[in-house]
């Protein structure tokens, strides 16, 4: 075997000893540095220098200005390699001050900064020790928190007053229409006309039910329903109102017919069976009103509570709204008795606007369920569409916790399909009355407001979920609702305090409602009802 090494030392050749031409070449790396090695070396040192720079900068921010770069690097890497925690540079006395309770005298003292700018200016002018700094900071933050809380509670109180009161324009409209009803025979027309009465019990028509004592709101619901219907001649709208609103409501629809749609106006007093002795909900409402007045103590007592969070106070104020103790709000539980000849109806609240043809709702297969409703636990709007049973029911009460799942999805009133034929085969109404009575027995501790909580219980297991397109909620709660989404929804619902007929309505959303108000109408003009 022969071994040949080239002069450049880059090749080694091994020849077999028998002279065979086969050989093996071994390539040896060059003694020179390659460009690739230089590039990777520079890249490595670049990242290393950046790493050292970041650690040094962090130490500088923390006040470690006297340590060298290598020293700071060692100080940083050493504990991490040894898996030890770095000592906090925040003095322990600051944590102690933050954990101590702040007295009212400390907050209201003359030395407490009223704004953050005042605090910064004071820190620049006087060199305080760590404890004094923490005391000043905590007092200022606590004071600002109290001011913010007070402002939010005042806002909730003003909104409660505004949403619970009847605007003078609506009061004016009711009075003028009542006067018209008394003096104008055309305002007392039979609704519907005699030849159209059979359609009221004809299941080949599309029957809608609206319960309201708000004439302007009812007119918008009716107008939007008929104008967007592809078959208005098949639409029957049953308007139910209370005794005091019956005459002006009849006057409005007598003088503003929505031909070819059929409109019926009836008062609660027209239903002989709807009396206190025969309807359990009336007795429950009377007890509920007494219990709430004693339990709540009125809006002044609610606002004066310094321990509860603002949103809890807002919920309690909302519970004082008169609508929650109105039979008009409970009337939907008696739909099978109110319309004994009908098989299916769509129930509409008076704060909705219809923006599409609703006849496809009659083609939905309810699969034997009673209530077709939109779920409110799924959706892009996390404020409105995040409601589950625990949002409405008190699961700290054993009667609730043992009967229901707190994470079960809730659904909404406002636009509901009711299969009355299936309803009559259930005990939904009896369940509703039972839970109303149980809530009163427990001092209103099962739920605190509204007719939705007992509805969630009564219709439990009887709900068919429909597409959210048919019912978009939340337009009365917040002004960040997408206009594009609202315009593309089939029905929009101004649930919440900011009703579209109030001054506190959100302007950009209100126009979706006002487009169905005829502001040139003499009654509207005379009562100074304006678009904004």
Protein backbone atom coordinates (compact mmCIF):
# COMPACT_ATOMS: atom_id res chain seq x y z
CA UNK A 1 0.00 0.00 0.00
CA UNK A 2 1.27 3.45 -0.92
CA UNK A 3 0.28 6.77 0.66
CA UNK A 4 0.58 10.01 -1.34
CA UNK A 5 -0.04 13.41 0.26
CA UNK A 6 -0.40 16.42 -2.02
CA UNK A 7 1.78 19.49 -1.37
CA UNK A 8 -1.24 21.59 -0.47
CA UNK A 9 -2.24 18.97 2.12
CA UNK A 10 -5.75 19.03 0.69
CA UNK A 11 -5.73 15.48 -0.79
CA UNK A 12 -4.52 12.14 0.58
CA UNK A 13 -4.35 9.20 -1.92
CA UNK A 14 -4.12 5.57 -0.81
CA UNK A 15 -2.99 3.00 -3.46
CA UNK A 16 -3.28 -0.78 -2.93
CA UNK A 17 -0.02 -2.63 -2.75
CA UNK A 18 -0.70 -4.89 -5.81
CA UNK A 19 -0.64 -2.01 -8.27
CA UNK A 20 -4.32 -1.98 -8.91
CA UNK A 21 -5.46 1.38 -10.20
CA UNK A 22 -8.22 1.58 -7.63
CA UNK A 23 -7.49 4.18 -5.04
CA UNK A 24 -9.13 6.11 -2.26
CA UNK A 25 -9.03 9.87 -2.04
CA UNK A 26 -9.59 11.62 1.24
CA UNK A 27 -10.34 15.34 1.10
CA UNK A 28 -8.86 17.35 3.94
CA UNK A 29 -10.26 20.75 4.99
CA UNK A 30 -8.36 23.82 3.99
CA UNK A 31 -6.17 25.57 6.47
CA UNK A 32 -7.79 28.84 5.44
CA UNK A 33 -10.94 30.17 7.09
CA UNK A 34 -13.98 29.83 4.82
CA UNK A 35 -16.37 32.73 4.22
CA UNK A 36 -19.22 30.64 5.58
CA UNK A 37 -17.46 30.15 8.90
CA UNK A 38 -16.77 33.87 9.17
CA UNK A 39 -20.43 34.68 8.43
CA UNK A 40 -21.80 32.30 11.08
CA UNK A 41 -19.29 33.57 13.62
CA UNK A 42 -20.35 37.18 13.06
CA UNK A 43 -24.01 36.20 13.26
CA UNK A 44 -23.45 34.45 16.59
CA UNK A 45 -21.60 37.40 18.12
CA UNK A 46 -24.30 39.79 16.87
CA UNK A 47 -27.02 37.92 18.76
CA UNK A 48 -24.78 37.61 21.81
CA UNK A 49 -24.16 41.35 21.90
CA UNK A 50 -27.88 42.06 21.58
CA UNK A 51 -28.59 39.70 24.46
CA UNK A 52 -25.99 41.41 26.62
CA UNK A 53 -27.38 44.82 25.68
CA UNK A 54 -30.95 43.89 26.69
CA UNK A 55 -29.84 42.53 30.06
CA UNK A 56 -27.72 45.61 30.68
CA UNK A 57 -30.64 47.88 29.79
CA UNK A 58 -32.94 46.05 32.19
CA UNK A 59 -30.39 46.42 34.97
CA UNK A 60 -30.06 50.11 34.19
CA UNK A 61 -33.82 50.60 34.40
CA UNK A 62 -33.85 48.80 37.74
CA UNK A 63 -31.17 51.15 39.03
CA UNK A 64 -28.17 48.84 38.61
CA UNK A 65 -26.05 51.53 37.00
CA UNK A 66 -22.79 50.73 38.79
CA UNK A 67 -22.32 47.20 37.54
CA UNK A 68 -20.27 46.46 34.44
CA UNK A 69 -21.73 44.79 31.41
CA UNK A 70 -20.09 41.46 32.18
CA UNK A 71 -20.97 41.85 35.85
CA UNK A 72 -24.60 42.55 35.07
CA UNK A 73 -24.64 39.62 32.68
CA UNK A 74 -23.27 37.34 35.36
CA UNK A 75 -25.72 38.69 37.89
CA UNK A 76 -28.56 37.98 35.49
CA UNK A 77 -27.49 34.57 34.24
CA UNK A 78 -26.10 33.23 37.50
CA UNK A 79 -29.37 32.91 39.43
CA UNK A 80 -31.13 31.56 36.37
CA UNK A 81 -28.56 28.85 35.84
CA UNK A 82 -28.74 27.96 39.52
CA UNK A 83 -32.56 28.16 39.36
CA UNK A 84 -32.79 30.85 42.00
CA UNK A 85 -35.22 33.74 41.99
CA UNK A 86 -33.98 37.30 41.70
CA UNK A 87 -34.64 39.48 44.67
CA UNK A 88 -37.32 42.14 44.10
CA UNK A 89 -36.06 45.71 43.91
CA UNK A 90 -39.40 47.02 45.28
CA UNK A 91 -39.09 47.86 48.98
CA UNK A 92 -41.16 45.61 51.22
CA UNK A 93 -42.68 48.62 52.96
CA UNK A 94 -44.59 49.51 49.77
CA UNK A 95 -46.35 46.15 49.79
CA UNK A 96 -47.20 46.61 53.45
CA UNK A 97 -48.77 50.02 52.81
CA UNK A 98 -50.80 48.70 49.88
CA UNK A 99 -52.22 45.91 52.03
CA UNK A 100 -53.30 48.22 54.84
CA UNK A 101 -56.81 49.67 54.94
CA UNK A 102 -57.20 53.34 54.08
CA UNK A 103 -59.26 55.48 56.42
CA UNK A 104 -61.69 58.08 55.13
CA UNK A 105 -59.67 60.83 56.83
CA UNK A 106 -56.58 59.88 54.85
CA UNK A 107 -58.51 60.02 51.59
CA UNK A 108 -60.19 63.35 52.29
CA UNK A 109 -57.09 64.97 53.74
CA UNK A 110 -55.76 68.18 52.18
CA UNK A 111 -52.51 66.56 51.09
CA UNK A 112 -54.06 63.94 48.80
CA UNK A 113 -53.42 64.69 45.09
CA UNK A 114 -56.64 65.10 43.15
CA UNK A 115 -55.17 64.14 39.79
CA UNK A 116 -52.25 62.13 38.46
CA UNK A 117 -50.55 65.33 37.25
CA UNK A 118 -50.67 66.73 40.78
CA UNK A 119 -49.16 63.51 42.07
CA UNK A 120 -46.27 63.62 39.57
CA UNK A 121 -45.61 67.30 40.32
CA UNK A 122 -45.52 66.60 44.06
CA UNK A 123 -43.11 63.71 43.57
CA UNK A 124 -40.77 66.00 41.61
CA UNK A 125 -40.86 68.76 44.21
CA UNK A 126 -40.39 66.62 47.32
CA UNK A 127 -38.08 63.66 47.74
CA UNK A 128 -40.25 61.20 49.66
CA UNK A 129 -39.18 57.90 51.12
CA UNK A 130 -40.75 54.66 49.91
CA UNK A 131 -43.44 54.55 52.60
CA UNK A 132 -44.59 58.14 52.05
CA UNK A 133 -44.65 57.53 48.31
CA UNK A 134 -46.84 54.44 48.74
CA UNK A 135 -49.23 56.22 51.12
CA UNK A 136 -49.68 59.13 48.70
CA UNK A 137 -50.19 56.83 45.74
CA UNK A 138 -52.72 54.62 47.52
CA UNK A 139 -54.70 57.59 48.84
CA UNK A 140 -54.86 59.16 45.39
CA UNK A 141 -55.95 55.94 43.65
CA UNK A 142 -58.58 55.22 46.32
CA UNK A 143 -59.95 58.74 46.02
CA UNK A 144 -60.18 58.50 42.24
CA UNK A 145 -61.89 55.10 42.54
CA UNK A 146 -64.51 56.58 44.84
CA UNK A 147 -65.12 59.48 42.47
CA UNK A 148 -65.46 57.11 39.53
CA UNK A 149 -67.87 54.88 41.45
CA UNK A 150 -70.01 57.85 42.48
CA UNK A 151 -70.13 59.14 38.90
CA UNK A 152 -71.15 55.74 37.52
CA UNK A 153 -73.88 55.33 40.12
CA UNK A 154 -75.22 58.80 39.34
CA UNK A 155 -75.24 57.90 35.66
CA UNK A 156 -77.18 54.70 36.38
CA UNK A 157 -79.65 56.64 38.55
CA UNK A 158 -80.26 59.28 35.87
CA UNK A 159 -80.69 56.59 33.22
CA UNK A 160 -83.13 54.76 35.48
CA UNK A 161 -85.20 57.91 35.92
CA UNK A 162 -85.07 58.70 32.20
CA UNK A 163 -86.01 55.18 31.12
CA UNK A 164 -88.80 54.77 33.70
CA UNK A 165 -90.48 58.10 33.01
CA UNK A 166 -92.97 58.74 30.23
CA UNK A 167 -91.68 61.46 27.87
CA UNK A 168 -94.08 64.37 27.63
CA UNK A 169 -94.27 63.88 23.86
CA UNK A 170 -95.67 60.37 24.28
CA UNK A 171 -98.03 61.57 27.00
CA UNK A 172 -99.19 64.31 24.64
CA UNK A 173 -99.77 61.79 21.84
CA UNK A 174 -101.93 59.58 24.07
CA UNK A 175 -104.03 62.55 25.25
CA UNK A 176 -104.62 63.93 21.76
CA UNK A 177 -105.59 60.52 20.42
CA UNK A 178 -107.93 59.93 23.38
CA UNK A 179 -109.58 63.25 22.61
CA UNK A 180 -109.83 62.27 18.95
CA UNK A 181 -111.39 58.95 19.95
CA UNK A 182 -114.05 60.78 21.95
CA UNK A 183 -114.91 63.34 19.26
CA UNK A 184 -114.26 61.65 15.92
CA UNK A 185 -116.30 58.66 14.79
CA UNK A 186 -113.56 57.69 12.34
CA UNK A 187 -111.26 57.16 15.31
CA UNK A 188 -113.67 54.59 16.75
CA UNK A 189 -113.86 52.22 13.81
CA UNK A 190 -114.25 48.53 14.45
CA UNK A 191 -110.86 46.88 14.04
CA UNK A 192 -110.87 44.90 11.91
CA UNK A 193 -113.91 45.52 9.76
CA UNK A 194 -116.78 43.05 10.02
CA UNK A 195 -115.94 41.20 6.81
CA UNK A 196 -112.37 40.58 8.00
CA UNK A 197 -113.26 39.27 11.47
CA UNK A 198 -113.09 35.58 10.39
CA UNK A 199 -109.41 36.06 9.53
CA UNK A 200 -108.66 36.58 13.24
CA UNK A 201 -109.07 32.84 13.85
CA UNK A 202 -107.97 31.60 10.43
CA UNK A 203 -104.73 29.62 10.70
CA UNK A 204 -103.94 30.16 7.02
CA UNK A 205 -102.98 33.74 7.93
CA UNK A 206 -99.72 34.82 9.56
CA UNK A 207 -100.64 35.86 13.09
CA UNK A 208 -98.48 38.28 15.06
CA UNK A 209 -99.13 39.44 18.63
CA UNK A 210 -97.95 42.73 20.09
CA UNK A 211 -98.60 43.69 23.72
CA UNK A 212 -97.90 47.35 24.44
CA UNK A 213 -99.17 50.49 26.13
CA UNK A 214 -96.83 52.67 24.03
CA UNK A 215 -98.71 53.96 20.98
CA UNK A 216 -95.69 55.31 19.11
CA UNK A 217 -93.67 52.14 19.68
CA UNK A 218 -96.59 49.96 18.59
CA UNK A 219 -96.99 52.02 15.42
CA UNK A 220 -93.33 51.44 14.50
CA UNK A 221 -93.59 47.68 15.04
CA UNK A 222 -96.76 47.50 12.95
CA UNK A 223 -95.45 49.74 10.19
CA UNK A 224 -92.11 47.94 9.89
CA UNK A 225 -93.84 44.55 9.92
CA UNK A 226 -96.25 45.38 7.12
CA UNK A 227 -93.85 47.41 4.96
CA UNK A 228 -91.30 44.59 4.89
CA UNK A 229 -93.80 41.81 4.33
CA UNK A 230 -93.90 40.14 0.91
CA UNK A 231 -97.51 39.12 1.55
CA UNK A 232 -99.04 41.92 3.63
CA UNK A 233 -102.55 40.71 2.78
CA UNK A 234 -101.83 37.57 4.84
CA UNK A 235 -100.59 39.48 7.90
CA UNK A 236 -102.82 39.68 10.98
CA UNK A 237 -101.50 41.79 13.86
CA UNK A 238 -103.22 41.39 17.22
CA UNK A 239 -102.45 44.45 19.39
CA UNK A 240 -103.16 43.98 23.10
CA UNK A 241 -103.07 46.97 25.43
CA UNK A 242 -104.34 48.03 28.84
CA UNK A 243 -107.57 49.82 29.64
CA UNK A 244 -106.18 53.37 29.79
CA UNK A 245 -104.38 53.04 26.44
CA UNK A 246 -107.13 51.20 24.57
CA UNK A 247 -108.98 54.28 23.26
CA UNK A 248 -105.92 56.17 21.94
CA UNK A 249 -104.47 52.93 20.53
CA UNK A 250 -107.70 52.20 18.67
CA UNK A 251 -107.81 55.80 17.44
CA UNK A 252 -104.28 55.56 16.04
CA UNK A 253 -104.85 52.38 14.04
CA UNK A 254 -108.32 53.55 12.94
CA UNK A 255 -106.85 56.74 11.51
CA UNK A 256 -103.67 55.07 10.23
CA UNK A 257 -104.76 51.80 8.56
CA UNK A 258 -102.07 49.48 7.23
CA UNK A 259 -104.10 48.00 4.41
CA UNK A 260 -104.05 45.26 3.18
CA UNK A 261 -102.79 43.93 6.53
CA UNK A 262 -105.39 43.22 9.20
CA UNK A 263 -105.07 44.96 12.57
CA UNK A 264 -106.97 44.02 15.72
CA UNK A 265 -106.83 46.16 18.88
CA UNK A 266 -108.05 44.67 22.15
CA UNK A 267 -107.79 45.77 25.76
CA UNK A 268 -107.09 43.48 28.68
CA UNK A 269 -110.52 44.36 30.03
CA UNK A 270 -112.07 42.63 27.02
CA UNK A 271 -110.95 39.26 28.36
CA UNK A 272 -113.46 38.37 31.06
CA UNK A 273 -111.36 35.54 32.49
CA UNK A 274 -108.34 37.84 33.00
CA UNK A 275 -109.30 38.84 36.54
CA UNK A 276 -107.47 38.72 39.84
CA UNK A 277 -109.35 35.72 41.17
CA UNK A 278 -108.70 33.61 38.08
CA UNK A 279 -105.19 34.62 37.07
CA UNK A 280 -102.45 33.69 39.58
CA UNK A 281 -99.94 36.10 38.08
CA UNK A 282 -102.08 39.09 39.13
CA UNK A 283 -101.92 38.05 42.77
CA UNK A 284 -98.22 37.31 42.40
CA UNK A 285 -97.65 40.77 40.91
CA UNK A 286 -99.43 42.43 43.83
CA UNK A 287 -97.31 40.51 46.34
CA UNK A 288 -94.21 41.16 44.26
CA UNK A 289 -94.79 44.91 44.33
CA UNK A 290 -95.15 44.95 48.11
CA UNK A 291 -92.11 42.72 48.58
CA UNK A 292 -89.93 44.82 46.29
CA UNK A 293 -90.87 48.08 48.00
CA UNK A 294 -89.89 46.62 51.37
CA UNK A 295 -86.90 44.67 50.13
CA UNK A 296 -85.37 47.39 47.99
CA UNK A 297 -86.12 50.49 50.00
CA UNK A 298 -86.46 52.60 46.88
CA UNK A 299 -83.85 54.10 44.59
CA UNK A 300 -82.42 56.34 47.33
CA UNK A 301 -81.56 53.37 49.53
CA UNK A 302 -80.03 51.52 46.60
CA UNK A 303 -77.79 54.41 45.59
CA UNK A 304 -76.74 55.05 49.20
CA UNK A 305 -75.25 51.56 49.47
CA UNK A 306 -71.46 51.99 49.58
CA UNK A 307 -70.51 48.33 49.55
CA UNK A 308 -72.05 46.98 46.36
CA UNK A 309 -70.50 47.30 42.94
CA UNK A 310 -72.01 49.79 40.47
CA UNK A 311 -73.30 47.13 38.09
CA UNK A 312 -75.17 45.46 40.98
CA UNK A 313 -76.74 48.79 41.86
CA UNK A 314 -77.68 49.27 38.20
CA UNK A 315 -79.45 45.90 38.18
CA UNK A 316 -81.38 46.78 41.34
CA UNK A 317 -82.42 50.13 39.91
CA UNK A 318 -83.60 48.42 36.77
CA UNK A 319 -85.69 46.08 38.90
CA UNK A 320 -87.66 49.10 40.11
CA UNK A 321 -88.85 49.85 36.58
CA UNK A 322 -92.68 49.81 36.44
CA UNK A 323 -92.66 47.52 33.41
CA UNK A 324 -91.42 44.63 35.52
CA UNK A 325 -94.59 44.79 37.57
CA UNK A 326 -96.94 45.23 34.63
CA UNK A 327 -99.36 42.61 33.39
CA UNK A 328 -98.36 43.62 29.85
CA UNK A 329 -94.98 42.08 30.58
CA UNK A 330 -96.53 38.80 31.77
CA UNK A 331 -99.20 38.53 29.08
CA UNK A 332 -97.22 36.16 26.86
CA UNK A 333 -97.64 33.34 29.38
CA UNK A 334 -101.40 33.38 28.62
CA UNK A 335 -101.16 33.20 24.83
CA UNK A 336 -102.88 29.79 24.56
CA UNK A 337 -105.87 31.17 26.49
CA UNK A 338 -105.87 34.51 24.67
CA UNK A 339 -105.94 32.84 21.25
CA UNK A 340 -107.64 29.45 21.71
CA UNK A 341 -108.27 28.98 17.98
CA UNK A 342 -104.75 29.67 16.73
CA UNK A 343 -102.02 27.06 16.28
CA UNK A 344 -98.94 29.24 15.87
CA UNK A 345 -98.15 32.91 16.47
CA UNK A 346 -95.10 35.18 16.51
CA UNK A 347 -94.91 37.37 19.59
CA UNK A 348 -93.22 40.78 19.18
CA UNK A 349 -92.03 43.19 21.87
CA UNK A 350 -92.75 46.87 21.31
CA UNK A 351 -89.05 47.85 21.23
CA UNK A 352 -88.24 45.89 18.08
CA UNK A 353 -88.07 46.88 14.42
CA UNK A 354 -88.84 44.39 11.66
CA UNK A 355 -86.48 44.71 8.68
CA UNK A 356 -87.38 41.71 6.56
CA UNK A 357 -90.25 39.46 5.58
CA UNK A 358 -91.10 37.21 8.54
CA UNK A 359 -93.26 34.68 6.70
CA UNK A 360 -90.39 32.10 6.59
CA UNK A 361 -90.77 31.76 10.36
CA UNK A 362 -93.89 29.69 9.74
CA UNK A 363 -91.84 27.20 7.73
CA UNK A 364 -89.46 26.44 10.61
CA UNK A 365 -89.85 22.91 11.93
CA UNK A 366 -90.05 23.30 15.71
CA UNK A 367 -89.53 19.56 16.30
CA UNK A 368 -92.35 19.50 18.82
CA UNK A 369 -90.93 22.40 20.84
CA UNK A 370 -93.07 25.28 22.04
CA UNK A 371 -90.84 28.35 21.91
CA UNK A 372 -88.65 29.30 18.95
CA UNK A 373 -86.01 31.72 20.26
CA UNK A 374 -82.49 32.99 19.67
CA UNK A 375 -79.79 31.84 22.08
CA UNK A 376 -77.84 34.54 23.90
CA UNK A 377 -74.64 32.74 24.87
CA UNK A 378 -72.91 32.74 21.49
CA UNK A 379 -71.98 35.68 19.30
CA UNK A 380 -69.44 38.37 18.55
CA UNK A 381 -70.94 40.82 21.04
CA UNK A 382 -69.54 39.47 24.31
CA UNK A 383 -71.60 41.87 26.41
CA UNK A 384 -75.03 40.99 25.03
CA UNK A 385 -74.42 37.48 23.70
CA UNK A 386 -72.79 35.96 26.77
CA UNK A 387 -75.86 35.12 28.84
CA UNK A 388 -76.34 31.80 30.54
CA UNK A 389 -78.77 30.69 33.23
CA UNK A 390 -76.35 31.89 35.90
CA UNK A 391 -76.73 35.40 34.45
CA UNK A 392 -80.38 35.48 35.53
CA UNK A 393 -80.91 32.93 38.30
CA UNK A 394 -79.38 32.85 41.77
CA UNK A 395 -77.47 29.57 41.88
CA UNK A 396 -76.43 30.15 45.48
CA UNK A 397 -80.01 29.22 46.36
CA UNK A 398 -80.38 25.43 46.75
CA UNK A 399 -83.74 25.37 44.98
CA UNK A 400 -82.11 26.75 41.84
CA UNK A 401 -78.77 24.94 42.07
CA UNK A 402 -80.34 21.50 42.37
CA UNK A 403 -82.72 22.05 39.44
CA UNK A 404 -80.68 23.72 36.70
CA UNK A 405 -77.25 23.91 35.10
CA UNK A 406 -75.68 27.37 35.58
CA UNK A 407 -73.76 27.12 32.29
CA UNK A 408 -76.77 26.25 30.20
CA UNK A 409 -77.34 28.75 27.40
CA UNK A 410 -80.06 31.35 27.89
CA UNK A 411 -82.41 32.64 25.21
CA UNK A 412 -84.22 35.92 24.61
CA UNK A 413 -87.70 37.34 24.54
CA UNK A 414 -88.49 39.98 21.93
CA UNK A 415 -89.23 37.95 18.81
CA UNK A 416 -90.47 34.45 19.56
CA UNK A 417 -92.33 31.80 17.62
CA UNK A 418 -94.88 30.04 19.83
CA UNK A 419 -96.45 26.75 18.80
CA UNK A 420 -99.68 27.10 20.75
CA UNK A 421 -100.86 23.64 19.76
CA UNK A 422 -97.79 22.06 21.37
CA UNK A 423 -98.00 24.47 24.32
CA UNK A 424 -101.48 23.28 25.27
CA UNK A 425 -100.07 19.79 25.79
CA UNK A 426 -97.60 20.97 28.45
CA UNK A 427 -97.71 22.42 31.97
CA UNK A 428 -95.64 25.50 31.08
CA UNK A 429 -98.13 28.02 32.48
CA UNK A 430 -98.50 26.13 35.75
CA UNK A 431 -94.71 25.91 36.09
CA UNK A 432 -94.46 29.66 35.53
CA UNK A 433 -96.95 30.40 38.31
CA UNK A 434 -95.29 27.93 40.68
CA UNK A 435 -91.86 29.55 40.37
CA UNK A 436 -93.31 33.05 40.72
CA UNK A 437 -94.78 31.99 44.04
CA UNK A 438 -91.52 30.32 45.12
CA UNK A 439 -89.60 33.50 44.37
CA UNK A 440 -91.96 35.51 46.56
CA UNK A 441 -91.68 32.97 49.37
CA UNK A 442 -87.90 33.29 49.26
CA UNK A 443 -88.00 37.13 49.51
CA UNK A 444 -87.17 37.49 45.82
CA UNK A 445 -83.92 35.58 46.19
CA UNK A 446 -84.33 33.20 43.23
CA UNK A 447 -84.07 36.08 40.76
CA UNK A 448 -84.44 39.81 41.07
CA UNK A 449 -86.04 41.34 38.01
CA UNK A 450 -88.00 40.77 34.86
CA UNK A 451 -90.18 38.06 33.38
CA UNK A 452 -87.34 36.35 31.53
CA UNK A 453 -86.02 34.38 34.57
CA UNK A 454 -89.35 32.62 35.25
CA UNK A 455 -89.71 32.21 31.49
CA UNK A 456 -86.32 30.49 31.30
CA UNK A 457 -87.55 28.08 33.96
CA UNK A 458 -91.06 27.53 32.60
CA UNK A 459 -89.92 26.91 29.01
CA UNK A 460 -86.95 24.79 30.10
CA UNK A 461 -86.73 21.87 27.68
CA UNK A 462 -89.33 23.40 25.36
CA UNK A 463 -87.13 25.80 23.36
CA UNK A 464 -86.17 25.41 19.72
CA UNK A 465 -83.12 27.51 18.81
CA UNK A 466 -83.54 29.64 15.68
CA UNK A 467 -80.99 31.49 13.55
CA UNK A 468 -79.64 34.72 15.16
CA UNK A 469 -80.51 36.53 11.92
CA UNK A 470 -84.11 36.65 13.08
CA UNK A 471 -83.39 38.52 16.28
CA UNK A 472 -80.46 40.87 16.97
CA UNK A 473 -80.35 42.13 20.54
CA UNK A 474 -78.59 44.83 22.52
CA UNK A 475 -79.35 48.05 20.63
CA UNK A 476 -80.54 49.68 23.85
CA UNK A 477 -77.53 48.64 25.92
CA UNK A 478 -74.45 49.95 24.14
CA UNK A 479 -73.59 52.29 21.31
CA UNK A 480 -70.78 50.20 19.83
CA UNK A 481 -73.21 47.91 18.04
CA UNK A 482 -72.16 47.51 14.42
CA UNK A 483 -74.47 49.49 12.14
CA UNK A 484 -73.72 47.09 9.30
CA UNK A 485 -74.73 44.09 11.40
CA UNK A 486 -77.86 45.88 12.63
CA UNK A 487 -78.96 46.81 9.12
CA UNK A 488 -78.53 43.24 7.90
CA UNK A 489 -80.52 41.62 10.74
CA UNK A 490 -84.09 40.46 10.21
CA UNK A 491 -85.34 41.95 13.49
CA UNK A 492 -83.45 44.39 15.70
CA UNK A 493 -84.26 44.71 19.37
CA UNK A 494 -83.67 47.86 21.43
CA UNK A 495 -83.66 45.94 24.69
CA UNK A 496 -82.06 47.94 27.47
CA UNK A 497 -82.60 51.41 28.90
CA UNK A 498 -81.77 53.43 25.77
CA UNK A 499 -85.12 52.99 24.04
CA UNK A 500 -85.29 54.66 20.62
CA UNK A 501 -88.16 56.97 21.65
CA UNK A 502 -86.15 58.38 24.58
CA UNK A 503 -83.61 61.20 24.57
CA UNK A 504 -80.98 58.80 25.92
CA UNK A 505 -81.17 56.63 22.79
CA UNK A 506 -77.97 56.14 20.82
CA UNK A 507 -78.22 58.53 17.83
CA UNK A 508 -76.55 56.30 15.26
CA UNK A 509 -78.90 53.42 16.12
CA UNK A 510 -82.04 55.48 16.61
CA UNK A 511 -82.35 56.22 12.90
CA UNK A 512 -83.10 52.54 12.27
CA UNK A 513 -86.26 53.10 14.31
CA UNK A 514 -87.23 56.63 13.27
CA UNK A 515 -87.35 55.66 9.57
CA UNK A 516 -90.73 54.07 10.33
CA UNK A 517 -92.17 57.18 12.00
CA UNK A 518 -94.11 59.61 9.83
CA UNK A 519 -92.96 62.94 11.25
CA UNK A 520 -95.33 64.84 8.96
CA UNK A 521 -98.36 63.28 10.67
CA UNK A 522 -100.42 65.93 12.46
CA UNK A 523 -100.46 64.10 15.79
CA UNK A 524 -96.70 63.56 15.66
CA UNK A 525 -96.05 67.20 14.74
CA UNK A 526 -98.44 68.65 17.30
CA UNK A 527 -96.69 66.71 20.07
CA UNK A 528 -93.24 67.85 18.89
CA UNK A 529 -91.96 64.35 18.27
CA UNK A 530 -88.79 64.80 16.21
CA UNK A 531 -86.24 62.49 14.59
CA UNK A 532 -83.53 63.49 17.08
